[in-house]
N, C-alpha and C. Protein backbone atom coordinates (compact mmCIF):
# COMPACT_ATOMS: atom_id res chain seq x y z
N MET A 1 0.88 -1.13 -0.49
CA MET A 1 -0.25 -0.29 -0.62
C MET A 1 1.27 0.92 -0.23
N SER A 2 1.20 2.10 -0.96
CA SER A 2 1.60 3.63 -0.90
C SER A 2 0.93 4.50 0.29
N ALA A 3 2.00 4.73 0.04
CA ALA A 3 2.26 6.33 1.23
C ALA A 3 0.44 7.26 1.64
N ALA A 4 0.22 7.65 -0.34
CA ALA A 4 -1.39 7.89 -0.44
C ALA A 4 -1.73 7.30 -0.56
N ASP A 5 -2.09 6.11 -0.90
CA ASP A 5 -3.56 5.23 0.01
C ASP A 5 -3.76 5.09 1.32
N PHE A 6 -2.67 4.93 1.91
CA PHE A 6 -2.47 4.48 3.45
C PHE A 6 -3.27 5.64 4.01
N LYS A 7 -2.69 7.19 3.94
CA LYS A 7 -3.76 8.72 3.80
C LYS A 7 -4.62 8.52 4.16
N ASP A 8 -5.11 8.65 2.12
CA ASP A 8 -6.20 8.63 2.09
C ASP A 8 -7.39 7.21 2.69
N GLY A 9 -7.04 6.23 2.94
CA GLY A 9 -8.16 5.35 3.84
C GLY A 9 -7.63 5.92 5.78
N LEU A 10 -6.34 6.55 5.74
CA LEU A 10 -7.01 7.24 7.62
C LEU A 10 -8.12 8.10 7.54
N ILE A 11 -8.05 8.63 6.10
CA ILE A 11 -8.88 10.13 6.58
C ILE A 11 -9.96 9.55 5.56
N ARG A 12 -10.80 8.50 5.44
CA ARG A 12 -11.89 8.50 5.38
C ARG A 12 -12.56 7.66 6.45
N GLU A 13 -11.70 7.30 7.74
CA GLU A 13 -11.83 6.21 8.48
C GLU A 13 -12.30 7.65 9.62
N ILE A 14 -11.84 8.62 9.70
CA ILE A 14 -11.62 9.99 11.32
C ILE A 14 -13.84 10.29 12.00
N PRO A 15 -14.39 9.67 10.51
CA PRO A 15 -15.69 10.36 11.12
C PRO A 15 -16.09 8.58 12.16
N ASN A 16 -15.53 7.36 10.99
CA ASN A 16 -15.88 6.55 12.51
C ASN A 16 -15.38 6.39 13.45
N LEU A 17 -13.60 7.26 13.35
CA LEU A 17 -13.14 6.81 14.33
C LEU A 17 -13.55 7.48 15.65
N ARG A 18 -14.45 8.62 15.80
CA ARG A 18 -14.69 10.21 15.65
C ARG A 18 -15.69 9.70 16.62
N ALA A 19 -16.63 8.93 16.15
CA ALA A 19 -17.83 8.55 16.59
C ALA A 19 -17.70 7.69 18.15
N PHE A 20 -16.48 6.57 17.36
CA PHE A 20 -16.48 5.07 17.78
C PHE A 20 -15.90 6.16 19.02
N ALA A 21 -14.66 6.90 19.55
CA ALA A 21 -14.24 7.52 20.17
C ALA A 21 -14.57 8.65 20.82
N ALA A 22 -15.78 8.88 21.06
CA ALA A 22 -16.69 9.85 21.52
C ALA A 22 -17.45 8.61 22.56
N SER A 23 -18.07 7.66 21.55
CA SER A 23 -18.84 6.89 22.48
C SER A 23 -18.07 6.06 24.01
N LEU A 24 -17.36 5.47 23.35
CA LEU A 24 -16.17 5.58 24.66
C LEU A 24 -16.23 6.75 26.08
N SER A 25 -15.27 7.69 25.25
CA SER A 25 -15.07 7.88 26.24
C SER A 25 -16.51 9.09 27.04
N GLY A 26 -16.67 9.51 26.03
CA GLY A 26 -17.60 10.36 26.43
C GLY A 26 -17.95 11.90 27.04
N SER A 27 -17.27 12.70 26.43
CA SER A 27 -16.62 13.17 25.85
C SER A 27 -16.16 14.16 24.55
N MET A 28 -16.51 15.32 23.37
CA MET A 28 -15.89 15.33 22.01
C MET A 28 -14.17 16.00 22.72
N GLN A 29 -14.44 16.33 23.63
CA GLN A 29 -12.96 16.59 23.56
C GLN A 29 -11.52 15.30 23.51
N LEU A 30 -11.68 14.85 24.77
CA LEU A 30 -10.79 14.08 24.49
C LEU A 30 -11.52 12.47 23.49
N ALA A 31 -12.40 12.69 22.92
CA ALA A 31 -12.15 12.17 21.23
C ALA A 31 -11.93 11.92 20.64
N ASP A 32 -11.68 13.96 20.94
CA ASP A 32 -10.73 14.61 19.28
C ASP A 32 -8.76 14.36 19.67
N ASP A 33 -8.67 14.19 20.96
CA ASP A 33 -7.37 13.72 21.49
C ASP A 33 -7.30 11.99 21.35
N LEU A 34 -8.39 11.17 21.12
CA LEU A 34 -7.96 9.83 21.35
C LEU A 34 -7.47 9.92 19.92
N VAL A 35 -8.84 10.06 18.69
CA VAL A 35 -8.22 10.25 17.17
C VAL A 35 -7.46 10.94 16.75
N GLN A 36 -6.29 11.39 16.89
CA GLN A 36 -5.14 12.92 17.39
C GLN A 36 -4.27 11.21 17.68
N ASP A 37 -4.69 10.93 18.52
CA ASP A 37 -3.41 10.42 19.47
C ASP A 37 -2.98 8.65 18.06
N THR A 38 -4.78 8.52 17.70
CA THR A 38 -4.73 6.81 16.68
C THR A 38 -4.26 6.83 15.58
N LEU A 39 -4.10 8.35 14.90
CA LEU A 39 -3.64 8.50 13.65
C LEU A 39 -2.33 8.67 13.41
N LEU A 40 -2.07 9.02 15.05
CA LEU A 40 -0.72 9.79 15.24
C LEU A 40 0.43 8.30 14.76
N LYS A 41 0.15 7.53 15.99
CA LYS A 41 0.33 5.98 16.28
C LYS A 41 0.60 4.86 15.29
N ALA A 42 -0.80 5.62 14.04
CA ALA A 42 -1.32 5.15 12.58
C ALA A 42 0.24 5.08 12.31
N TRP A 43 0.00 6.75 11.48
CA TRP A 43 1.24 7.09 10.54
C TRP A 43 2.60 6.87 11.18
N GLY A 44 2.67 6.85 12.78
CA GLY A 44 4.05 6.86 12.51
C GLY A 44 4.29 4.65 12.94
N ASN A 45 3.65 4.05 12.63
CA ASN A 45 3.77 3.18 12.05
C ASN A 45 3.00 1.75 11.14
N SER A 46 2.86 2.55 10.23
CA SER A 46 2.35 2.73 8.87
C SER A 46 3.35 1.50 8.38
N ASP A 47 4.50 1.79 8.40
CA ASP A 47 5.17 -0.09 7.86
C ASP A 47 4.31 -0.65 9.04
N LYS A 48 3.61 -1.39 9.37
CA LYS A 48 3.12 -2.26 10.49
C LYS A 48 2.05 -3.17 10.15
N PHE A 49 1.00 -1.57 9.15
CA PHE A 49 -0.07 -2.40 9.13
C PHE A 49 0.29 -3.73 7.85
N GLN A 50 -0.43 -4.72 7.65
CA GLN A 50 -0.08 -5.71 6.28
C GLN A 50 -1.75 -5.42 5.43
N PRO A 51 -1.22 -5.14 3.92
CA PRO A 51 -2.20 -4.47 3.20
C PRO A 51 -3.20 -6.13 2.60
N GLY A 52 -4.51 -6.04 2.74
CA GLY A 52 -5.42 -6.54 2.44
C GLY A 52 -6.18 -7.34 3.73
N THR A 53 -5.74 -7.15 5.14
CA THR A 53 -6.62 -6.42 6.32
C THR A 53 -7.63 -5.17 6.23
N SER A 54 -7.80 -5.68 7.38
CA SER A 54 -9.39 -4.37 7.51
C SER A 54 -8.75 -3.18 8.21
N LEU A 55 -8.50 -1.51 7.24
CA LEU A 55 -7.28 -0.46 7.88
C LEU A 55 -8.59 0.13 9.49
N ARG A 56 -9.33 -0.01 9.02
CA ARG A 56 -10.43 0.23 10.14
C ARG A 56 -10.29 -0.92 11.69
N ALA A 57 -10.07 -2.29 11.55
CA ALA A 57 -10.24 -2.49 12.13
C ALA A 57 -8.72 -2.62 13.27
N TRP A 58 -8.11 -2.29 11.88
CA TRP A 58 -6.57 -1.43 12.69
C TRP A 58 -6.52 -0.82 13.81
N LEU A 59 -7.25 0.42 12.80
CA LEU A 59 -7.43 1.34 13.52
C LEU A 59 -7.92 1.14 14.38
N PHE A 60 -8.68 0.71 14.98
CA PHE A 60 -9.51 1.03 15.43
C PHE A 60 -9.35 0.24 17.53
N THR A 61 -8.22 -1.07 17.05
CA THR A 61 -7.70 -1.67 17.81
C THR A 61 -6.09 -0.53 18.21
N ILE A 62 -6.02 -0.06 17.64
CA ILE A 62 -5.28 0.83 18.05
C ILE A 62 -5.87 2.13 19.39
N LEU A 63 -6.89 3.07 18.39
CA LEU A 63 -7.96 3.92 19.62
C LEU A 63 -8.53 3.31 20.27
N ARG A 64 -8.75 2.24 20.62
CA ARG A 64 -9.14 1.53 21.76
C ARG A 64 -8.37 1.04 23.06
N ASN A 65 -6.76 1.32 22.07
CA ASN A 65 -6.09 0.69 22.95
C ASN A 65 -5.45 1.79 23.91
N THR A 66 -5.35 2.80 23.28
CA THR A 66 -5.04 4.17 23.62
C THR A 66 -6.18 4.58 24.81
N TYR A 67 -7.27 4.51 24.77
CA TYR A 67 -8.44 4.57 25.78
C TYR A 67 -7.86 3.81 26.70
N TYR A 68 -7.84 2.54 26.54
CA TYR A 68 -7.94 1.39 27.59
C TYR A 68 -6.75 2.71 28.48
N SER A 69 -4.67 2.89 28.39
CA SER A 69 -4.13 2.99 27.87
C SER A 69 -4.65 3.76 29.07
N LEU A 70 -4.32 5.38 28.82
CA LEU A 70 -5.18 6.40 29.77
C LEU A 70 -5.52 5.95 30.40
N TYR A 71 -7.01 4.84 30.77
CA TYR A 71 -7.44 5.22 31.85
C TYR A 71 -6.74 4.27 33.41
N ARG A 72 -5.63 3.54 32.26
CA ARG A 72 -4.87 2.62 33.17
C ARG A 72 -3.82 3.51 34.07
N LYS A 73 -3.92 4.74 33.25
CA LYS A 73 -2.42 5.79 33.19
C LYS A 73 -3.36 6.53 34.75
N ARG A 74 -4.51 6.49 34.00
CA ARG A 74 -5.44 7.75 35.31
C ARG A 74 -5.31 6.49 36.68
N GLY A 75 -5.76 5.46 36.38
CA GLY A 75 -6.49 4.93 37.34
C GLY A 75 -7.14 4.94 38.39
N ARG A 76 -8.25 5.94 37.72
CA ARG A 76 -9.57 5.70 38.05
C ARG A 76 -10.47 6.55 36.81
N GLU A 77 -11.77 6.06 36.50
CA GLU A 77 -12.61 6.94 35.43
C GLU A 77 -13.59 7.88 35.96
N VAL A 78 -14.21 8.77 35.65
CA VAL A 78 -15.53 9.21 35.59
C VAL A 78 -16.55 8.29 35.66
N GLN A 79 -17.55 8.57 36.76
CA GLN A 79 -19.07 7.49 36.04
C GLN A 79 -20.11 8.23 36.03
N ASP A 80 -20.49 8.51 34.95
CA ASP A 80 -21.53 9.06 34.05
C ASP A 80 -22.50 8.01 34.05
N SER A 81 -23.13 7.06 34.53
CA SER A 81 -24.15 6.85 34.90
C SER A 81 -25.82 7.62 33.90
N GLU A 82 -25.36 8.81 35.15
CA GLU A 82 -26.51 9.65 34.79
C GLU A 82 -26.59 9.96 33.36
N GLY A 83 -25.77 10.45 32.80
CA GLY A 83 -25.38 11.18 31.23
C GLY A 83 -25.43 12.53 31.62
N THR A 84 -25.22 13.08 33.40
CA THR A 84 -25.07 14.52 33.69
C THR A 84 -23.89 15.30 32.83
N TYR A 85 -22.77 14.84 32.72
CA TYR A 85 -21.17 15.55 31.97
C TYR A 85 -22.31 14.99 30.39
N ALA A 86 -22.71 14.01 30.05
CA ALA A 86 -22.91 14.51 28.34
C ALA A 86 -24.05 14.93 28.12
N GLU A 87 -24.56 15.57 28.09
CA GLU A 87 -26.08 15.71 28.57
C GLU A 87 -25.40 17.99 28.14
N ARG A 88 -24.23 18.45 29.06
CA ARG A 88 -23.41 19.43 28.78
C ARG A 88 -23.16 19.32 27.86
N LEU A 89 -22.89 18.04 26.85
CA LEU A 89 -22.05 18.07 25.49
C LEU A 89 -22.82 18.57 24.38
N ALA A 90 -24.08 18.19 24.79
CA ALA A 90 -25.18 17.84 23.52
C ALA A 90 -26.02 19.33 23.66
N VAL A 91 -26.20 20.08 22.38
CA VAL A 91 -27.18 21.15 21.75
C VAL A 91 -28.70 20.69 22.22
N ARG A 92 -29.20 20.49 22.37
CA ARG A 92 -31.03 20.26 22.75
C ARG A 92 -31.60 21.52 21.59
N GLY A 93 -32.33 20.68 20.45
CA GLY A 93 -32.95 21.40 19.98
C GLY A 93 -34.42 21.47 20.85
N ASN A 94 -35.72 21.72 19.96
CA ASN A 94 -36.83 22.16 20.08
C ASN A 94 -37.64 22.05 19.88
N GLN A 95 -37.25 19.91 19.41
CA GLN A 95 -38.29 19.38 19.48
C GLN A 95 -37.67 18.00 20.53
N GLU A 96 -39.08 17.22 20.74
CA GLU A 96 -39.61 15.84 21.62
C GLU A 96 -38.27 15.35 22.05
N SER A 97 -37.17 15.11 20.19
CA SER A 97 -36.46 14.01 20.12
C SER A 97 -35.14 14.38 20.70
N HIS A 98 -35.36 15.21 21.28
CA HIS A 98 -33.53 15.48 22.58
C HIS A 98 -34.25 14.61 23.89
N LEU A 99 -35.76 14.48 24.24
CA LEU A 99 -35.71 13.84 24.85
C LEU A 99 -35.50 11.55 24.92
N ASP A 100 -36.05 11.70 23.71
CA ASP A 100 -35.73 10.21 23.67
C ASP A 100 -34.20 10.22 23.68
N LEU A 101 -33.18 10.89 22.32
CA LEU A 101 -32.18 10.43 22.40
C LEU A 101 -31.00 10.49 24.11
N ALA A 102 -32.02 12.04 25.31
CA ALA A 102 -31.71 11.38 26.66
C ALA A 102 -32.03 10.50 26.85
N ASP A 103 -32.64 9.46 27.12
CA ASP A 103 -32.98 8.59 27.12
C ASP A 103 -32.62 7.34 27.27
N PHE A 104 -32.34 7.31 24.83
CA PHE A 104 -30.91 6.05 25.07
C PHE A 104 -29.88 6.92 25.77
N ARG A 105 -28.49 7.52 25.49
CA ARG A 105 -27.99 7.50 26.13
C ARG A 105 -27.98 7.47 27.84
N THR A 106 -29.24 7.23 28.66
CA THR A 106 -28.93 7.02 29.78
C THR A 106 -28.84 5.40 29.88
N ALA A 107 -29.47 5.15 28.63
CA ALA A 107 -30.04 3.19 28.45
C ALA A 107 -28.38 2.78 28.37
N LEU A 108 -27.74 3.57 27.62
CA LEU A 108 -26.87 2.97 27.14
C LEU A 108 -25.43 3.31 28.31
N ALA A 109 -25.49 3.74 29.07
CA ALA A 109 -24.56 4.35 29.85
C ALA A 109 -24.57 2.74 31.03
N LYS A 110 -25.91 2.32 30.72
CA LYS A 110 -26.39 1.95 32.19
C LYS A 110 -26.37 -0.28 31.91
N LEU A 111 -25.43 0.40 30.52
CA LEU A 111 -24.68 -1.35 29.44
C LEU A 111 -23.84 -1.27 30.21
N PRO A 112 -23.27 -3.02 30.95
CA PRO A 112 -22.04 -3.27 30.93
C PRO A 112 -21.20 -2.47 29.89
N GLU A 113 -19.92 -2.19 30.28
CA GLU A 113 -18.60 -1.65 29.03
C GLU A 113 -18.37 -2.63 28.01
N GLU A 114 -18.62 -3.82 28.37
CA GLU A 114 -18.19 -5.21 28.01
C GLU A 114 -19.47 -5.06 26.62
N GLN A 115 -20.86 -4.65 26.43
CA GLN A 115 -21.58 -5.18 25.55
C GLN A 115 -22.15 -3.57 25.17
N ARG A 116 -21.32 -1.89 25.45
CA ARG A 116 -22.27 -1.46 25.27
C ARG A 116 -20.51 -0.72 24.17
N GLU A 117 -19.80 -1.49 24.17
CA GLU A 117 -18.87 -1.16 23.54
C GLU A 117 -19.23 -1.83 22.21
N VAL A 118 -18.98 -3.62 22.60
CA VAL A 118 -19.68 -4.35 21.59
C VAL A 118 -21.03 -3.65 20.38
N LEU A 119 -22.27 -3.61 21.33
CA LEU A 119 -22.65 -2.59 20.19
C LEU A 119 -22.70 -1.55 19.36
N ILE A 120 -21.92 -0.92 20.36
CA ILE A 120 -21.18 0.64 19.30
C ILE A 120 -20.39 -0.07 18.21
N MET A 121 -19.90 -0.62 18.37
CA MET A 121 -18.66 -0.99 17.27
C MET A 121 -20.16 -2.04 16.14
N VAL A 122 -20.23 -2.55 16.46
CA VAL A 122 -21.15 -3.33 15.37
C VAL A 122 -22.89 -2.59 14.93
N GLY A 123 -23.22 -1.95 15.70
CA GLY A 123 -24.10 -1.70 15.88
C GLY A 123 -24.43 -0.02 15.04
N ALA A 124 -23.25 0.86 15.28
CA ALA A 124 -23.34 2.13 14.95
C ALA A 124 -22.37 2.78 13.86
N THR A 125 -21.13 1.69 14.25
CA THR A 125 -19.98 2.09 13.73
C THR A 125 -20.02 0.98 12.58
N GLY A 126 -21.11 0.69 11.88
CA GLY A 126 -21.22 -0.94 11.39
C GLY A 126 -20.01 -1.70 11.22
N LEU A 127 -19.10 -1.95 12.30
CA LEU A 127 -17.73 -3.44 11.52
C LEU A 127 -18.00 -4.65 12.22
N SER A 128 -18.38 -5.07 11.25
CA SER A 128 -18.89 -7.07 11.60
C SER A 128 -18.22 -7.28 12.29
N TYR A 129 -19.06 -8.59 12.80
CA TYR A 129 -18.48 -9.35 14.18
C TYR A 129 -16.77 -9.70 13.78
N GLU A 130 -16.39 -10.13 12.82
CA GLU A 130 -15.51 -10.95 12.99
C GLU A 130 -14.94 -9.55 13.08
N GLU A 131 -14.63 -8.28 12.93
CA GLU A 131 -13.59 -7.56 13.01
C GLU A 131 -13.92 -6.93 14.40
N THR A 132 -15.12 -6.80 14.48
CA THR A 132 -14.68 -6.70 16.16
C THR A 132 -14.46 -7.49 17.13
N ALA A 133 -14.24 -8.91 17.07
CA ALA A 133 -13.94 -10.10 17.13
C ALA A 133 -12.16 -9.64 17.49
N GLU A 134 -11.58 -9.40 16.11
CA GLU A 134 -10.44 -8.90 15.70
C GLU A 134 -9.96 -8.36 17.10
N ILE A 135 -10.22 -6.49 16.70
CA ILE A 135 -10.94 -5.76 17.78
C ILE A 135 -10.42 -5.90 19.89
N CYS A 136 -11.37 -6.51 19.96
CA CYS A 136 -11.83 -7.23 21.00
C CYS A 136 -10.71 -8.12 21.42
N GLY A 137 -10.08 -8.61 20.69
CA GLY A 137 -9.79 -10.41 21.20
C GLY A 137 -10.26 -11.76 21.69
N VAL A 138 -11.91 -11.72 21.20
CA VAL A 138 -12.44 -12.41 21.75
C VAL A 138 -12.95 -13.17 20.52
N ALA A 139 -13.62 -13.68 20.82
CA ALA A 139 -13.93 -15.15 19.57
C ALA A 139 -15.91 -14.48 18.74
N ILE A 140 -16.27 -15.35 17.85
CA ILE A 140 -17.15 -13.98 16.93
C ILE A 140 -18.27 -14.19 18.20
N GLY A 141 -18.85 -15.86 18.53
CA GLY A 141 -20.11 -16.42 19.39
C GLY A 141 -19.57 -15.88 20.80
N THR A 142 -19.03 -14.87 21.22
CA THR A 142 -18.51 -13.76 22.60
C THR A 142 -18.74 -12.91 22.13
N ILE A 143 -19.08 -12.34 20.45
CA ILE A 143 -18.91 -10.39 20.04
C ILE A 143 -20.34 -10.81 19.17
N LYS A 144 -21.00 -12.02 19.20
CA LYS A 144 -22.75 -11.98 18.65
C LYS A 144 -23.68 -11.75 19.98
N SER A 145 -22.79 -12.84 21.72
CA SER A 145 -24.07 -13.07 22.36
C SER A 145 -23.40 -11.54 23.37
N ARG A 146 -22.88 -11.08 23.61
CA ARG A 146 -22.75 -9.00 23.71
C ARG A 146 -23.25 -9.07 23.08
N VAL A 147 -23.56 -9.22 21.14
CA VAL A 147 -24.49 -7.45 20.81
C VAL A 147 -25.79 -8.23 21.89
N ASN A 148 -26.57 -9.48 21.55
CA ASN A 148 -27.04 -9.60 22.46
C ASN A 148 -28.11 -8.87 22.97
N ARG A 149 -27.11 -9.82 23.79
CA ARG A 149 -27.48 -9.23 25.23
C ARG A 149 -27.29 -7.76 25.74
N ALA A 150 -27.29 -6.98 24.99
CA ALA A 150 -26.90 -5.72 24.90
C ALA A 150 -28.06 -5.02 24.42
N ARG A 151 -28.74 -5.40 23.49
CA ARG A 151 -29.69 -4.74 23.34
C ARG A 151 -31.70 -5.11 22.78
N THR A 152 -30.47 -6.89 23.76
CA THR A 152 -32.01 -6.93 24.94
C THR A 152 -31.98 -6.13 26.17
N LYS A 153 -30.43 -5.74 26.73
CA LYS A 153 -30.83 -5.50 28.01
C LYS A 153 -31.28 -3.58 27.73
N LEU A 154 -31.02 -3.05 26.31
CA LEU A 154 -31.04 -2.19 25.98
C LEU A 154 -32.99 -1.34 25.75
N ALA A 155 -33.57 -2.49 25.25
CA ALA A 155 -34.31 -2.47 24.48
C ALA A 155 -35.64 -2.81 25.71
N GLU A 156 -34.98 -3.33 26.85
CA GLU A 156 -35.53 -3.82 28.28
C GLU A 156 -35.36 -2.13 29.03
N LEU A 157 -34.58 -1.96 29.07
CA LEU A 157 -34.40 0.20 29.66
C LEU A 157 -35.68 0.89 29.16
N LEU A 158 -35.43 0.76 27.66
CA LEU A 158 -36.28 1.03 26.79
C LEU A 158 -37.68 1.41 27.16
N SER A 159 -38.23 -0.05 27.34
CA SER A 159 -40.05 0.19 27.82
C SER A 159 -39.72 -0.50 25.95
N ILE A 160 -38.95 -1.31 25.25
CA ILE A 160 -39.65 -1.25 23.79
C ILE A 160 -39.86 -2.39 23.23
N GLY A 161 -41.17 -3.92 23.31
CA GLY A 161 -41.39 -4.56 24.02
C GLY A 161 -41.46 -4.76 21.64
N SER A 162 -42.26 -3.64 21.66
CA SER A 162 -42.36 -4.72 20.02
C SER A 162 -42.92 -1.99 19.65
N LEU A 163 -43.10 -2.52 17.88
CA LEU A 163 -43.50 -0.67 17.46
C LEU A 163 -43.98 0.04 18.36
N GLU A 164 -45.54 -0.76 17.85
CA GLU A 164 -46.47 0.69 18.67
C GLU A 164 -45.45 1.10 20.17
N ASP A 165 -43.93 0.10 21.21
CA ASP A 165 -43.94 1.49 22.27
C ASP A 165 -42.58 2.78 21.85
N LEU A 166 -43.00 2.75 20.36
CA LEU A 166 -41.66 3.54 19.66
C LEU A 166 -42.29 5.40 19.09
N GLY A 167 -43.35 4.96 19.67
CA GLY A 167 -44.56 5.84 20.01
C GLY A 167 -45.27 5.91 18.24
N PRO A 168 -45.65 7.80 19.41
CA PRO A 168 -47.06 8.10 18.03
C PRO A 168 -46.70 8.37 16.81
N ASP A 169 -45.42 8.47 16.50
CA ASP A 169 -45.15 9.09 15.02
C ASP A 169 -45.64 7.92 14.37
N ARG A 170 -46.66 7.32 12.72
CA ARG A 170 -46.18 6.29 12.50
C ARG A 170 -45.88 6.37 11.58
N GLN A 171 -44.77 7.58 10.52
CA GLN A 171 -44.68 7.06 9.43
C GLN A 171 -43.15 6.50 10.16
N SER A 172 -42.17 7.49 11.12
CA SER A 172 -40.98 6.65 11.76
C SER A 172 -41.17 4.90 12.26
N ALA A 173 -42.16 4.51 13.27
CA ALA A 173 -42.58 3.48 12.70
C ALA A 173 -42.74 1.99 11.30
N ALA A 174 -42.94 3.35 10.61
CA ALA A 174 -43.43 2.15 9.23
C ALA A 174 -41.98 2.13 8.27
N ALA A 175 -40.60 3.36 8.77
CA ALA A 175 -39.68 3.02 8.36
C ALA A 175 -38.97 2.39 9.51
N ILE A 176 -39.23 2.05 10.10
CA ILE A 176 -38.34 1.38 11.20
C ILE A 176 -38.65 -0.29 10.77
N GLN A 177 -40.20 -0.16 10.39
CA GLN A 177 -40.96 -1.80 10.05
C GLN A 177 -39.96 -2.11 9.10
N ARG A 178 -39.35 -1.44 7.92
CA ARG A 178 -39.65 -1.40 6.65
C ARG A 178 -38.03 -1.41 6.53
N ALA A 179 -37.53 -1.39 7.87
CA ALA A 179 -35.98 -1.61 7.74
C ALA A 179 -36.31 -3.63 8.34
N GLY A 180 -36.16 -3.52 9.16
CA GLY A 180 -36.29 -4.89 9.61
C GLY A 180 -36.46 -4.78 10.35
N PRO A 181 -36.33 -6.13 11.78
CA PRO A 181 -36.33 -6.29 12.88
C PRO A 181 -35.70 -6.27 13.49
N GLU A 182 -34.59 -6.50 12.82
CA GLU A 182 -33.19 -5.79 13.28
C GLU A 182 -33.11 -4.42 14.41
N ILE A 183 -33.68 -3.45 14.04
CA ILE A 183 -33.48 -2.84 14.30
C ILE A 183 -34.50 -1.91 15.98
N VAL A 184 -35.36 -3.10 15.66
CA VAL A 184 -36.08 -3.29 17.19
C VAL A 184 -35.37 -4.10 18.38
N ARG A 185 -34.57 -4.64 18.03
CA ARG A 185 -34.01 -5.46 19.04
C ARG A 185 -33.27 -4.66 19.23
N LEU A 186 -32.16 -3.38 18.56
CA LEU A 186 -30.83 -2.88 19.14
C LEU A 186 -32.42 -1.86 20.44
């Protein structure tokens, strides 16, 4: 892989890295720092990247390891189970959807970290089960189990049992139904 192709690949992955970093850290400022550190480490170790493998998975692994190293060094982590800090980062809209988003963030924060992490990797960033298993260093079956448990717990926390529980907006419910049963489990 040429240096230009590698650079283009890094640039394409920045939005995905940023979203994953924000979901891990709960802070856009820390997320941006994590992405920057990840990109610097990746660029400095570009000779270690094996062409033909997933650049996204390689970058996510670097980001994830950087994140956990940061907290090992600090020795403690601020818990934000009620979403107090996360709410300060968001700009509230005039629509009621911000309430749904706040409920979702609160429920997501209540998931065990290993379930939240794989749910974000698979559900939000679009990584495959195989890529996620590689990043986390566990078997694919373990990832599938964690994702399933996370979806089930999230639906339970949000009191979602069926499409009717998604609210009075029938147009949105119809769109969700067309998207398939997978999204209802999320």
